[in-house]
Amino acid sequence: MRGTLKTCLLSLALVWFTACAANGARTSDFILRGEIPSDPVGFDLALYETLGTRFTTGNQVEWIDNGALFERIKQDVRTAKSSINIVLFIWRSGEPGDSLAQEISERTKTGVICRVLLDPFGSTDLEKVKPRLERAGCDVRIFRPLPADETLARNHRKLVIVDGRVGYTGGFGVHTVWLGDARNENEWRDVAVRAEGPVVAQMQQAFAENWQEMGGVLLPASDFAAMYAPPKPGGARAAFVSSTPNPEVTRSERSILLMCKAARRRLWIGQSYFTPTSTLLSLLVQQARSGVDTRVLAPGDKNDQPVITVTQRLSYPDLATAGVRLWEWPISMMHSKVILVDDHLVMVGSINFDILSYRLMEEGALIVDDEAFAQQAERAFLSDFQKSVEVGKQWYGSRYGP
């Protein structure tokens, strides 16, 4: 019953958002005006002005597709020396959670501190998950325990941070649908990123503020090891954006507009809940008409929220007519949240193009400025396009061939 109610609430919220966006029903319609500099110094300042965060240097970043994520996390957990901090929207009983809890248990026996913060809206069987993690030695907190009316002000962040030196984020949860390699409808398509370097301190801060809200004490200095260690030479520039609910404009919405407006040559979007506001829709149309290679990959009919597929298709005529190319992922739920800009900027995280991410949820995303990482994103997009169905050709005409 609870899962059905939550699905209904989410669907209603998304329908409400679409109606509001279409009718302009908002006290302030935020528009990011003017040119966004594309040079490193200029974009760094634009990032700071808009989102209150700055690029750090000397980071190592790794693109991770689908279920390969869990083995990478376990490898880092096995070497943990001081702490394992986790905040997730979804952790459900069974695999891969049981094996991850077992790995954590082996480390807590040696004195490693494990803190876990889970959202009860997405983690629907906490009566099983919480005792399992507590037996593994974790301090488990529930984020904003649900009242009878089940508030939608939730924590949608996805963070796993080990020893304050390694951080993971992306679209993932701990559930069977994130296992495998997106080969069938039971294996979701998703993307995560593993980071080492100074940016991990920014990720840890996002965990810390949520931990404090739910009664946790300040984290020790050792949990911010990345902040004190000298950056390694080379590596990527990276910044973490954390967003908290606001009925008007959040950093989630600002970050998406910033990334999309920064594009000069290429703007490729992989988005699980593609319901753009009228402002973002206009921006995508503008970018395509100005010659930016603008593409969107979204879920098809295999969507865990079917109302989204219906809603996203309402935007297709305007987008396609302007020259935006559109694909739908036909194999399973396409759950990634990725933006690739030109040949060097990539954003990976938890932020969706919907009202929940924009105004009602705690969110986070890693922005990476690095050509090598952008090339990994490009390869993943090209592979996904090949496996997907291009839609909207009735509006494309002969522009892109048969």
Protein backbone atom coordinates (compact mmCIF):
# COMPACT_ATOMS: atom_id res chain seq x y z
CA MET A 1 0.00 0.00 0.00
CA ARG A 2 2.78 2.45 0.93
CA GLY A 3 4.63 1.88 -2.34
CA THR A 4 1.43 2.44 -4.32
CA LEU A 5 0.70 5.64 -2.40
CA LYS A 6 4.21 6.93 -3.02
CA THR A 7 3.92 6.25 -6.74
CA CYS A 8 0.63 8.12 -6.82
CA LEU A 9 2.09 11.08 -4.90
CA LEU A 10 5.07 11.27 -7.20
CA SER A 11 2.91 11.08 -10.31
CA LEU A 12 0.59 13.79 -8.99
CA ALA A 13 3.52 16.03 -8.11
CA LEU A 14 5.02 15.64 -11.56
CA VAL A 15 1.71 16.32 -13.28
CA TRP A 16 1.28 19.41 -11.08
CA PHE A 17 4.79 20.58 -12.00
CA THR A 18 4.14 20.17 -15.71
CA ALA A 19 0.91 22.14 -15.46
CA CYS A 20 2.61 24.90 -13.46
CA ALA A 21 5.50 25.08 -15.91
CA ALA A 22 3.13 25.28 -18.86
CA ASN A 23 1.02 28.01 -17.28
CA GLY A 24 3.87 29.99 -15.75
CA ALA A 25 2.39 29.51 -12.26
CA ARG A 26 5.40 30.50 -10.20
CA THR A 27 6.23 33.52 -8.12
CA SER A 28 9.58 33.90 -9.89
CA ASP A 29 10.55 32.46 -13.25
CA PHE A 30 14.32 32.15 -12.93
CA ILE A 31 16.29 32.79 -16.11
CA LEU A 32 20.07 32.73 -16.25
CA ARG A 33 20.78 35.77 -18.43
CA GLY A 34 23.79 36.77 -20.45
CA GLU A 35 26.70 34.76 -21.83
CA ILE A 36 28.33 32.04 -19.75
CA PRO A 37 32.13 32.17 -20.22
CA SER A 38 33.61 28.98 -21.60
CA ASP A 39 37.24 29.59 -20.62
CA PRO A 40 38.42 27.91 -17.37
CA VAL A 41 38.75 31.09 -15.32
CA GLY A 42 35.49 32.58 -16.55
CA PHE A 43 33.45 29.43 -16.05
CA ASP A 44 34.91 28.90 -12.58
CA LEU A 45 33.69 32.37 -11.60
CA ALA A 46 30.28 31.71 -13.18
CA LEU A 47 30.08 28.48 -11.19
CA TYR A 48 30.87 30.30 -7.97
CA GLU A 49 28.46 33.16 -8.63
CA THR A 50 25.61 30.82 -9.54
CA LEU A 51 26.11 27.86 -7.23
CA GLY A 52 28.45 28.94 -4.45
CA THR A 53 31.07 26.31 -5.24
CA ARG A 54 34.40 26.39 -7.05
CA PHE A 55 36.52 23.95 -8.98
CA THR A 56 39.23 22.10 -7.13
CA THR A 57 42.27 20.80 -9.00
CA GLY A 58 44.22 17.55 -8.96
CA ASN A 59 41.24 15.17 -8.88
CA GLN A 60 41.06 11.67 -10.31
CA VAL A 61 37.63 10.81 -11.72
CA GLU A 62 36.33 7.52 -13.07
CA TRP A 63 33.20 6.97 -15.16
CA ILE A 64 31.24 3.87 -14.04
CA ASP A 65 28.40 2.26 -15.97
CA ASN A 66 25.60 0.28 -14.35
CA GLY A 67 26.24 -2.52 -11.84
CA ALA A 68 30.04 -2.33 -12.04
CA LEU A 69 29.63 0.37 -9.40
CA PHE A 70 29.09 -2.06 -6.53
CA GLU A 71 32.34 -3.95 -6.93
CA ARG A 72 34.23 -0.65 -7.04
CA ILE A 73 32.54 0.49 -3.83
CA LYS A 74 33.31 -2.82 -2.15
CA GLN A 75 36.97 -2.54 -3.15
CA ASP A 76 37.21 0.81 -1.40
CA VAL A 77 35.23 -0.39 1.62
CA ARG A 78 37.67 -3.29 2.06
CA THR A 79 40.54 -0.83 2.47
CA ALA A 80 38.66 1.64 4.71
CA LYS A 81 40.73 2.76 7.70
CA SER A 82 38.58 5.38 9.45
CA SER A 83 35.08 5.94 8.08
CA ILE A 84 32.38 4.97 5.62
CA ASN A 85 29.64 7.60 5.16
CA ILE A 86 26.57 6.90 3.04
CA VAL A 87 23.45 8.87 2.17
CA LEU A 88 20.95 7.29 -0.23
CA PHE A 89 17.38 7.69 -1.34
CA ILE A 90 16.97 3.96 -1.99
CA TRP A 91 18.44 1.04 -0.04
CA ARG A 92 16.26 -2.05 -0.14
CA SER A 93 16.73 -5.52 1.29
CA GLY A 94 18.46 -8.29 -0.64
CA GLU A 95 21.30 -7.85 -3.08
CA PRO A 96 23.45 -5.86 -3.57
CA GLY A 97 22.80 -4.43 -0.10
CA ASP A 98 23.42 -7.65 1.82
CA SER A 99 26.88 -8.22 0.38
CA LEU A 100 27.78 -4.56 0.84
CA ALA A 101 26.64 -4.73 4.47
CA GLN A 102 28.84 -7.79 4.96
CA GLU A 103 31.88 -5.93 3.60
CA ILE A 104 31.12 -3.02 5.91
CA SER A 105 30.77 -5.40 8.85
CA GLU A 106 34.32 -6.67 8.31
CA ARG A 107 35.63 -3.11 8.55
CA THR A 108 33.59 -1.95 11.56
CA LYS A 109 35.07 -4.90 13.49
CA THR A 110 38.45 -3.19 13.08
CA GLY A 111 37.19 0.16 14.40
CA VAL A 112 36.05 1.83 11.17
CA ILE A 113 33.04 4.10 11.78
CA CYS A 114 30.09 3.62 9.44
CA ARG A 115 27.32 6.22 9.22
CA VAL A 116 24.29 5.59 7.02
CA LEU A 117 21.49 8.04 6.28
CA LEU A 118 18.51 6.66 4.35
CA ASP A 119 15.33 8.25 3.08
CA PRO A 120 12.17 6.33 4.04
CA PHE A 121 10.31 7.46 0.91
CA GLY A 122 12.62 5.48 -1.39
CA SER A 123 13.89 2.89 1.11
CA THR A 124 10.55 1.18 1.49
CA ASP A 125 11.52 -1.81 3.67
CA LEU A 126 13.62 -0.16 6.35
CA GLU A 127 12.23 -2.62 8.89
CA LYS A 128 14.59 -5.13 7.23
CA VAL A 129 17.39 -2.86 6.03
CA LYS A 130 18.00 -0.86 9.21
CA PRO A 131 18.54 -3.88 11.53
CA ARG A 132 20.79 -5.51 8.93
CA LEU A 133 23.02 -2.44 8.77
CA GLU A 134 23.00 -2.02 12.54
CA ARG A 135 24.16 -5.62 12.93
CA ALA A 136 27.00 -4.67 10.56
CA GLY A 137 28.04 -1.99 13.05
CA CYS A 138 26.55 1.06 11.32
CA ASP A 139 24.98 4.10 12.93
CA VAL A 140 21.78 4.30 10.85
CA ARG A 141 19.64 7.44 10.74
CA ILE A 142 16.33 7.91 8.91
CA PHE A 143 16.03 11.20 7.05
CA ARG A 144 12.89 13.11 8.02
CA PRO A 145 10.81 10.13 9.17
CA LEU A 146 7.53 10.05 7.30
CA PRO A 147 4.43 11.49 8.93
CA ALA A 148 1.01 10.11 8.13
CA ASP A 149 0.64 12.36 5.07
CA GLU A 150 4.09 11.39 3.68
CA THR A 151 5.82 14.67 2.86
CA LEU A 152 7.67 14.93 -0.45
CA ALA A 153 10.54 17.01 1.02
CA ARG A 154 12.99 14.11 0.71
CA ASN A 155 16.72 13.38 0.49
CA HIS A 156 17.52 12.25 -3.03
CA ARG A 157 21.31 12.55 -2.77
CA LYS A 158 23.49 9.54 -3.58
CA LEU A 159 26.82 9.62 -1.79
CA VAL A 160 29.26 6.98 -0.62
CA ILE A 161 32.44 8.40 0.93
CA VAL A 162 35.30 6.27 2.26
CA ASP A 163 37.95 7.69 4.62
CA GLY A 164 37.19 11.19 3.37
CA ARG A 165 39.39 10.45 0.35
CA VAL A 166 37.14 8.57 -2.12
CA GLY A 167 33.63 9.64 -3.07
CA TYR A 168 30.91 8.18 -5.27
CA THR A 169 27.85 9.89 -6.68
CA GLY A 170 25.43 9.38 -9.55
CA GLY A 171 21.91 8.10 -10.03
CA PHE A 172 22.26 4.82 -8.18
CA GLY A 173 20.48 3.20 -5.29
CA VAL A 174 21.13 -0.08 -3.51
CA HIS A 175 18.60 -2.41 -5.09
CA THR A 176 18.51 -5.29 -7.55
CA VAL A 177 17.56 -3.05 -10.50
CA TRP A 178 21.04 -1.47 -10.39
CA LEU A 179 22.78 -4.83 -10.81
CA GLY A 180 23.88 -6.11 -14.19
CA ASP A 181 24.68 -4.12 -17.30
CA ALA A 182 21.35 -2.79 -18.64
CA ARG A 183 20.87 -5.88 -20.82
CA ASN A 184 17.18 -6.44 -20.11
CA GLU A 185 14.20 -4.74 -18.49
CA ASN A 186 15.25 -5.86 -15.00
CA GLU A 187 18.63 -4.07 -15.26
CA TRP A 188 18.42 -0.28 -15.22
CA ARG A 189 20.73 1.97 -17.21
CA ASP A 190 22.61 4.33 -14.91
CA VAL A 191 25.88 6.20 -14.52
CA ALA A 192 28.04 6.90 -11.48
CA VAL A 193 31.39 8.58 -10.91
CA ARG A 194 34.19 7.75 -8.50
CA ALA A 195 36.31 10.69 -7.38
CA GLU A 196 39.55 11.07 -5.46
CA GLY A 197 41.11 14.39 -4.53
CA PRO A 198 40.07 17.70 -2.97
CA VAL A 199 36.53 17.58 -4.40
CA VAL A 200 35.73 14.72 -2.02
CA ALA A 201 35.76 17.25 0.85
CA GLN A 202 32.88 19.07 -0.87
CA MET A 203 30.99 15.78 -1.16
CA GLN A 204 31.67 15.05 2.50
CA GLN A 205 30.28 18.45 3.48
CA ALA A 206 27.00 17.58 1.75
CA PHE A 207 26.81 14.39 3.79
CA ALA A 208 27.71 16.26 6.99
CA GLU A 209 24.91 18.81 6.72
CA ASN A 210 22.32 16.05 6.29
CA TRP A 211 23.88 14.05 9.12
CA GLN A 212 23.69 17.03 11.46
CA GLU A 213 20.02 17.58 10.62
CA MET A 214 19.21 14.06 11.76
CA GLY A 215 21.06 14.38 15.07
CA GLY A 216 24.57 13.40 14.11
CA VAL A 217 27.54 15.20 15.65
CA LEU A 218 30.26 17.01 13.71
CA LEU A 219 32.50 14.71 11.70
CA PRO A 220 36.15 14.43 12.73
CA ALA A 221 38.92 16.10 10.77
CA SER A 222 39.98 12.70 9.41
CA ASP A 223 36.71 12.55 7.45
CA PHE A 224 37.92 15.60 5.52
CA ALA A 225 41.30 14.14 4.64
CA ALA A 226 40.91 15.27 1.03
CA MET A 227 40.72 18.89 2.16
CA TYR A 228 44.11 18.74 3.92
CA ALA A 229 46.06 16.53 1.52
CA PRO A 230 48.06 18.35 -1.17
CA PRO A 231 46.45 17.83 -4.60
CA LYS A 232 48.27 15.52 -6.95
CA PRO A 233 49.75 17.12 -10.06
CA GLY A 234 47.58 16.94 -13.13
CA GLY A 235 44.18 15.40 -12.83
CA ALA A 236 40.77 16.94 -13.38
CA ARG A 237 39.12 20.09 -12.17
CA ALA A 238 35.96 19.15 -10.29
CA ALA A 239 33.31 20.71 -8.07
CA PHE A 240 30.39 19.25 -6.15
CA VAL A 241 27.04 21.03 -6.19
CA SER A 242 24.68 20.40 -3.29
CA SER A 243 21.09 21.59 -3.41
CA THR A 244 18.46 21.86 -0.69
CA PRO A 245 14.69 22.38 -1.08
CA ASN A 246 13.34 25.83 -1.84
CA PRO A 247 9.90 26.77 -3.22
CA GLU A 248 11.53 29.20 -5.61
CA VAL A 249 15.01 28.64 -7.11
CA THR A 250 17.40 25.92 -5.95
CA ARG A 251 20.94 25.07 -6.93
CA SER A 252 19.57 22.01 -8.73
CA GLU A 253 17.72 24.20 -11.19
CA ARG A 254 20.53 26.73 -11.40
CA SER A 255 23.12 24.04 -12.14
CA ILE A 256 21.14 22.57 -15.01
CA LEU A 257 20.58 25.99 -16.57
CA LEU A 258 24.25 26.88 -16.12
CA MET A 259 25.48 23.72 -17.82
CA CYS A 260 23.00 23.94 -20.69
CA LYS A 261 23.66 27.62 -21.31
CA ALA A 262 27.45 27.13 -21.24
CA ALA A 263 27.41 24.91 -24.34
CA ARG A 264 28.97 26.36 -27.49
CA ARG A 265 29.29 23.31 -29.72
CA ARG A 266 27.67 20.32 -28.02
CA LEU A 267 24.96 19.73 -25.42
CA TRP A 268 24.09 16.08 -24.80
CA ILE A 269 21.64 15.25 -22.03
CA GLY A 270 20.86 11.85 -20.49
CA GLN A 271 17.88 12.37 -18.20
CA SER A 272 15.63 9.87 -16.44
CA TYR A 273 12.72 12.23 -15.76
CA PHE A 274 12.78 14.66 -18.67
CA THR A 275 10.08 17.25 -17.83
CA PRO A 276 11.82 20.57 -18.54
CA THR A 277 10.41 23.87 -17.30
CA SER A 278 9.32 26.39 -19.91
CA THR A 279 12.58 28.28 -19.28
CA LEU A 280 14.74 25.20 -19.86
CA LEU A 281 12.68 24.16 -22.87
CA SER A 282 13.24 27.58 -24.42
CA LEU A 283 16.96 27.37 -23.66
CA LEU A 284 17.29 23.97 -25.38
CA VAL A 285 15.40 25.31 -28.40
CA GLN A 286 17.65 28.37 -28.47
CA GLN A 287 20.82 26.28 -28.25
CA ALA A 288 19.75 24.00 -31.09
CA ARG A 289 18.76 26.91 -33.32
CA SER A 290 22.11 28.59 -32.69
CA GLY A 291 23.93 25.54 -34.06
CA VAL A 292 24.76 23.69 -30.83
CA ASP A 293 24.58 19.91 -31.33
CA THR A 294 21.76 19.36 -28.83
CA ARG A 295 20.62 15.82 -28.03
CA VAL A 296 18.40 14.25 -25.37
CA LEU A 297 18.33 10.61 -24.26
CA ALA A 298 15.31 9.79 -22.08
CA PRO A 299 13.38 6.70 -20.98
CA GLY A 300 10.95 5.01 -23.32
CA ASP A 301 7.91 2.97 -22.40
CA LYS A 302 9.85 0.99 -19.77
CA ASN A 303 9.68 3.78 -17.22
CA ASP A 304 9.17 3.29 -13.49
CA GLN A 305 7.01 6.43 -13.63
CA PRO A 306 4.93 6.03 -16.83
CA VAL A 307 3.44 9.51 -16.49
CA ILE A 308 6.92 10.89 -17.25
CA THR A 309 7.09 9.25 -20.66
CA VAL A 310 3.72 10.73 -21.52
CA THR A 311 4.76 14.15 -20.23
CA GLN A 312 8.22 14.23 -21.83
CA ARG A 313 6.72 13.47 -25.24
CA LEU A 314 4.70 16.68 -25.05
CA SER A 315 7.97 18.59 -25.42
CA TYR A 316 9.11 16.69 -28.52
CA PRO A 317 7.48 18.82 -31.26
CA ASP A 318 9.05 22.08 -30.06
CA LEU A 319 12.44 20.47 -29.45
CA ALA A 320 12.63 18.48 -32.66
CA THR A 321 11.40 21.32 -34.83
CA ALA A 322 14.23 23.45 -33.45
CA GLY A 323 16.77 20.73 -34.28
CA VAL A 324 17.13 18.89 -30.96
CA ARG A 325 17.68 15.19 -31.61
CA LEU A 326 15.74 12.86 -29.31
CA TRP A 327 16.28 9.25 -28.32
CA GLU A 328 14.34 6.89 -26.06
CA TRP A 329 16.00 4.00 -24.26
CA PRO A 330 13.94 0.85 -25.05
CA ILE A 331 15.67 -1.85 -22.99
CA SER A 332 14.87 -0.93 -19.39
CA MET A 333 14.47 2.11 -17.16
CA MET A 334 17.00 4.76 -18.23
CA HIS A 335 17.88 6.31 -14.85
CA SER A 336 21.09 8.28 -15.45
CA LYS A 337 21.37 12.05 -14.96
CA VAL A 338 24.23 13.27 -17.16
CA ILE A 339 25.01 16.44 -19.09
CA LEU A 340 27.94 16.63 -21.54
CA VAL A 341 28.96 20.12 -22.66
CA ASP A 342 31.36 20.68 -25.56
CA ASP A 343 34.53 18.60 -25.18
CA HIS A 344 35.39 19.15 -21.53
CA LEU A 345 32.43 19.68 -19.15
CA VAL A 346 30.41 16.84 -17.62
CA MET A 347 27.82 16.78 -14.84
CA VAL A 348 26.87 13.48 -13.15
CA GLY A 349 24.65 13.21 -10.10
CA SER A 350 21.17 12.80 -8.72
CA ILE A 351 19.40 15.85 -10.20
CA ASN A 352 16.33 15.13 -12.31
CA PHE A 353 14.47 17.51 -14.63
CA ASP A 354 11.37 17.53 -12.40
CA ILE A 355 9.75 19.47 -9.59
CA LEU A 356 11.00 17.06 -6.94
CA SER A 357 14.65 17.73 -7.78
CA TYR A 358 14.13 21.41 -8.52
CA ARG A 359 12.23 22.39 -5.39
CA LEU A 360 11.51 19.55 -2.97
CA MET A 361 14.57 17.31 -2.60
CA GLU A 362 18.10 17.33 -1.27
CA GLU A 363 20.26 16.76 -4.35
CA GLY A 364 23.88 16.64 -5.43
CA ALA A 365 25.99 16.46 -8.58
CA LEU A 366 29.64 16.42 -9.55
CA ILE A 367 30.76 18.81 -12.28
CA VAL A 368 34.01 17.80 -13.97
CA ASP A 369 36.09 19.94 -16.31
CA ASP A 370 38.37 17.44 -18.03
CA GLU A 371 38.72 16.39 -21.66
CA ALA A 372 39.59 12.77 -20.89
CA PHE A 373 36.51 12.36 -18.69
CA ALA A 374 34.37 14.09 -21.34
CA GLN A 375 35.63 11.55 -23.87
CA GLN A 376 34.43 8.73 -21.59
CA ALA A 377 31.03 10.42 -21.42
CA GLU A 378 30.97 10.81 -25.20
CA ARG A 379 31.70 7.11 -25.74
CA ALA A 380 28.94 6.14 -23.33
CA PHE A 381 26.44 8.43 -25.03
CA LEU A 382 27.32 7.13 -28.50
CA SER A 383 26.89 3.55 -27.32
CA ASP A 384 23.53 4.43 -25.75
CA PHE A 385 22.34 6.21 -28.90
CA GLN A 386 23.09 3.07 -30.92
CA LYS A 387 20.98 0.97 -28.54
CA SER A 388 18.15 3.50 -28.42
CA VAL A 389 15.32 4.55 -30.73
CA GLU A 390 15.55 7.98 -32.30
CA VAL A 391 12.13 9.63 -32.12
CA GLY A 392 10.60 12.78 -33.54
CA LYS A 393 11.65 12.20 -37.15
CA GLN A 394 8.30 13.51 -38.34
CA TRP A 395 9.54 16.92 -37.14
CA TYR A 396 13.16 16.46 -38.17
CA GLY A 397 12.20 16.05 -41.81
CA SER A 398 15.19 15.00 -43.93
CA ARG A 399 17.68 17.00 -41.85
CA TYR A 400 19.35 13.92 -40.39
CA GLY A 401 18.72 11.41 -43.14
CA PRO A 402 16.70 8.18 -42.93
